[in-house]
Protein backbone atom coordinates (compact mmCIF):
# COMPACT_ATOMS: atom_id res chain seq x y z
CA UNK A 1 14.88 -32.73 -61.89
CA UNK A 2 11.29 -32.07 -60.84
CA UNK A 3 12.50 -30.28 -57.72
CA UNK A 4 14.78 -28.05 -59.80
CA UNK A 5 11.87 -27.09 -62.07
CA UNK A 6 9.73 -26.14 -59.07
CA UNK A 7 12.52 -24.00 -57.61
CA UNK A 8 13.05 -22.30 -60.98
CA UNK A 9 9.34 -21.48 -61.29
CA UNK A 10 9.25 -20.11 -57.75
CA UNK A 11 12.29 -17.94 -58.46
CA UNK A 12 10.68 -16.57 -61.63
CA UNK A 13 7.46 -15.88 -59.71
CA UNK A 14 9.22 -13.70 -57.14
CA UNK A 15 11.31 -11.94 -59.78
CA UNK A 16 8.29 -11.03 -61.88
CA UNK A 17 6.00 -10.18 -58.96
CA UNK A 18 8.44 -8.09 -56.96
CA UNK A 19 8.59 -4.31 -57.31
CA UNK A 20 10.46 -3.38 -60.47
CA UNK A 21 10.88 -0.17 -62.40
CA UNK A 22 12.28 1.09 -65.65
CA UNK A 23 15.59 2.84 -65.13
CA UNK A 24 16.33 4.82 -68.28
CA UNK A 25 19.52 6.62 -67.22
CA UNK A 26 22.17 4.40 -65.64
CA UNK A 27 24.46 7.40 -65.12
CA UNK A 28 21.80 9.44 -63.36
CA UNK A 29 22.42 12.09 -60.71
CA UNK A 30 19.85 12.35 -57.95
CA UNK A 31 18.08 15.74 -58.05
CA UNK A 32 18.48 17.99 -55.03
CA UNK A 33 15.09 19.70 -55.24
CA UNK A 34 11.96 18.16 -56.78
CA UNK A 35 8.56 19.53 -57.80
CA UNK A 36 5.65 17.10 -58.00
CA UNK A 37 3.63 18.43 -60.91
CA UNK A 38 -0.19 18.41 -61.12
CA UNK A 39 -1.53 14.99 -62.03
CA UNK A 40 -2.20 14.31 -65.69
CA UNK A 41 -5.58 12.68 -65.17
CA UNK A 42 -6.79 10.25 -67.85
CA UNK A 43 -9.87 9.32 -65.82
CA UNK A 44 -13.17 11.03 -65.03
CA UNK A 45 -12.39 11.11 -61.31
CA UNK A 46 -10.97 14.56 -60.59
CA UNK A 47 -10.55 13.96 -56.85
CA UNK A 48 -8.52 10.80 -57.44
CA UNK A 49 -5.86 12.82 -59.28
CA UNK A 50 -5.66 15.36 -56.45
CA UNK A 51 -5.43 12.74 -53.72
CA UNK A 52 -2.84 10.70 -55.65
CA UNK A 53 -0.54 13.73 -55.88
CA UNK A 54 -0.97 14.70 -52.22
CA UNK A 55 -0.26 11.15 -51.08
CA UNK A 56 2.82 11.00 -53.27
CA UNK A 57 4.11 14.23 -51.72
CA UNK A 58 3.72 12.88 -48.18
CA UNK A 59 5.29 9.49 -49.00
CA UNK A 60 8.23 10.99 -50.89
CA UNK A 61 8.83 13.56 -48.16
CA UNK A 62 8.90 10.81 -45.54
CA UNK A 63 11.45 8.93 -47.67
CA UNK A 64 13.71 12.05 -47.58
CA UNK A 65 14.69 11.46 -51.19
CA UNK A 66 15.20 15.16 -51.93
CA UNK A 67 13.98 18.59 -50.90
CA UNK A 68 10.39 18.99 -52.11
CA UNK A 69 8.71 22.14 -53.31
CA UNK A 70 5.24 22.13 -51.75
CA UNK A 71 2.32 21.38 -54.07
CA UNK A 72 0.74 24.67 -53.03
CA UNK A 73 3.76 26.66 -54.21
CA UNK A 74 4.03 24.63 -57.41
CA UNK A 75 0.37 25.33 -58.24
CA UNK A 76 0.72 29.03 -57.46
CA UNK A 77 3.70 29.42 -59.79
CA UNK A 78 2.10 27.39 -62.57
CA UNK A 79 -1.14 29.38 -62.29
CA UNK A 80 0.83 32.52 -63.01
CA UNK A 81 1.96 30.85 -66.24
CA UNK A 82 -1.63 29.98 -67.15
CA UNK A 83 -1.30 26.30 -66.22
CA UNK A 84 -4.17 25.21 -63.98
CA UNK A 85 -4.34 21.51 -64.87
CA UNK A 86 -1.88 18.65 -65.42
CA UNK A 87 -3.13 18.27 -68.97
CA UNK A 88 -1.66 21.69 -69.79
CA UNK A 89 1.91 20.82 -68.80
CA UNK A 90 2.88 20.28 -72.44
CA UNK A 91 2.35 24.01 -72.99
CA UNK A 92 5.81 24.61 -71.51
CA UNK A 93 9.11 22.79 -71.86
CA UNK A 94 10.67 20.86 -68.99
CA UNK A 95 13.62 23.20 -69.02
CA UNK A 96 11.29 26.20 -68.57
CA UNK A 97 9.33 24.38 -65.86
CA UNK A 98 12.50 23.67 -63.89
CA UNK A 99 13.59 27.30 -64.25
CA UNK A 100 10.37 28.92 -63.06
CA UNK A 101 9.96 26.40 -60.24
CA UNK A 102 13.68 26.67 -59.28
CA UNK A 103 14.10 22.88 -59.06
CA UNK A 104 16.37 20.35 -60.74
CA UNK A 105 13.87 17.46 -60.65
CA UNK A 106 10.38 17.18 -62.13
CA UNK A 107 8.03 14.40 -61.03
CA UNK A 108 5.18 13.62 -63.44
CA UNK A 109 2.12 11.57 -62.43
CA UNK A 110 -0.18 10.06 -65.06
CA UNK A 111 -3.35 8.63 -63.51
CA UNK A 112 -4.51 5.90 -65.91
CA UNK A 113 -7.29 4.18 -63.95
CA UNK A 114 -9.39 4.98 -60.90
CA UNK A 115 -12.53 2.84 -60.85
CA UNK A 116 -14.87 0.89 -58.63
CA UNK A 117 -16.36 -2.22 -60.23
CA UNK A 118 -19.47 -3.89 -58.74
CA UNK A 119 -18.76 -7.39 -57.44
CA UNK A 120 -21.22 -9.42 -55.39
CA UNK A 121 -21.37 -8.81 -52.49
CA UNK A 122 -19.13 -5.71 -52.67
CA UNK A 123 -16.89 -3.76 -55.04
CA UNK A 124 -13.39 -4.00 -56.49
CA UNK A 125 -11.26 -0.86 -56.58
CA UNK A 126 -8.64 -0.40 -59.31
CA UNK A 127 -5.97 2.28 -59.50
CA UNK A 128 -3.29 2.45 -62.18
CA UNK A 129 -0.65 5.14 -62.52
CA UNK A 130 2.62 5.97 -64.25
CA UNK A 131 5.38 7.98 -62.57
CA UNK A 132 8.32 9.68 -64.27
CA UNK A 133 11.22 11.62 -62.77
CA UNK A 134 13.10 13.98 -65.10
CA UNK A 135 16.27 15.91 -64.59
CA UNK A 136 15.71 18.75 -67.07
CA UNK A 137 15.89 19.43 -69.84
CA UNK A 138 15.14 15.91 -71.03
CA UNK A 139 16.87 13.23 -68.97
CA UNK A 140 14.40 10.63 -67.73
CA UNK A 141 16.10 8.93 -64.77
CA UNK A 142 13.19 6.88 -63.43
CA UNK A 143 9.86 5.54 -64.65
CA UNK A 144 7.48 3.18 -62.93
CA UNK A 145 3.99 2.06 -63.87
CA UNK A 146 1.82 -0.24 -61.82
CA UNK A 147 -1.75 -1.20 -61.01
CA UNK A 148 -3.37 -1.93 -57.66
CA UNK A 149 -6.59 -3.97 -57.46
CA UNK A 150 -8.34 -4.69 -54.19
CA UNK A 151 -11.76 -5.69 -52.94
CA UNK A 152 -13.27 -2.74 -51.11
CA UNK A 153 -14.43 -2.99 -47.52
CA UNK A 154 -17.83 -1.33 -47.62
CA UNK A 155 -18.14 -1.53 -43.85
CA UNK A 156 -15.79 1.43 -43.52
CA UNK A 157 -16.47 4.88 -44.85
CA UNK A 158 -14.18 7.26 -46.68
CA UNK A 159 -10.46 6.65 -46.84
CA UNK A 160 -10.18 4.97 -43.46
CA UNK A 161 -8.53 7.96 -41.80
CA UNK A 162 -6.27 10.83 -42.66
CA UNK A 163 -2.72 9.57 -43.42
CA UNK A 164 -1.30 12.90 -42.32
CA UNK A 165 -2.01 12.23 -38.66
CA UNK A 166 0.79 9.70 -38.11
CA UNK A 167 3.29 11.70 -40.16
CA UNK A 168 2.97 15.16 -38.61
CA UNK A 169 5.80 14.50 -36.16
CA UNK A 170 8.32 13.77 -38.89
CA UNK A 171 7.07 16.37 -41.36
CA UNK A 172 6.51 19.43 -39.20
CA UNK A 173 10.16 20.50 -39.20
CA UNK A 174 10.33 21.04 -42.93
CA UNK A 175 9.05 24.19 -44.63
CA UNK A 176 7.45 22.31 -47.52
CA UNK A 177 5.67 19.99 -45.12
CA UNK A 178 4.44 22.93 -43.05
CA UNK A 179 2.87 24.45 -46.14
CA UNK A 180 1.13 21.18 -46.92
CA UNK A 181 -0.10 20.80 -43.35
CA UNK A 182 -1.45 24.35 -43.27
CA UNK A 183 -3.26 23.79 -46.56
CA UNK A 184 -4.45 20.29 -45.73
CA UNK A 185 -8.01 19.49 -44.83
CA UNK A 186 -9.83 16.17 -44.93
CA UNK A 187 -10.79 16.32 -48.62
CA UNK A 188 -7.15 16.53 -49.73
CA UNK A 189 -6.70 12.89 -48.74
CA UNK A 190 -10.25 11.59 -48.64
CA UNK A 191 -11.13 9.10 -51.39
CA UNK A 192 -12.76 5.66 -51.40
CA UNK A 193 -9.70 4.28 -53.21
CA UNK A 194 -7.24 5.86 -50.80
CA UNK A 195 -5.86 2.50 -49.65
CA UNK A 196 -5.25 1.33 -53.20
CA UNK A 197 -3.42 4.58 -54.04
CA UNK A 198 -1.40 4.32 -50.85
CA UNK A 199 -0.23 0.76 -51.62
CA UNK A 200 0.55 1.61 -55.24
CA UNK A 201 2.72 4.58 -54.27
CA UNK A 202 4.57 2.60 -51.59
CA UNK A 203 5.47 -0.11 -54.14
CA UNK A 204 6.61 2.44 -56.68
CA UNK A 205 8.81 4.34 -54.26
CA UNK A 206 10.65 1.12 -53.41
CA UNK A 207 12.02 1.19 -56.97
CA UNK A 208 13.13 4.82 -56.88
CA UNK A 209 16.91 4.98 -57.59
């Protein structure tokens, strides 16, 4: 009996700790072309929102989930509509967004936390984000929210390297990736919580339907 209880507790541990997401549309259709919208940033760290979105683009492109409209093109089109920040996305309906961006999938990123907390002898980095994928006008087919907490290694500087370097080979063939590569410079991916964002996104994408 005791052995059965231990096995049950272990099973529950792995079920609750494994990657899981909220699937809100069981009869979903995977979008063919997706735009990753500017991050809705609920923190004071502007750069964290930019890096989070750029990392998500690279990771999703590598997954080959759908054709991606480059972030540069998305921003250019939205700027023409007077939208220069993720917080302004509610100025326009999802149906209108999909029409002007010529996509059938809209990926929203809400950055909820991006902090470094002092901890003797170092620091703890925390990143929390919510991701939503809509098929316009209003069908939410995927939502995932998670938090990544990790002790920072102060012996290394910056993000620990540009993640684009090991992905260029697989990305260079695609037009969207070329646009990102041409626009990319170190600051687009450079953040002290880069590793935490990277891990968070990887876990989330494992739950993508």
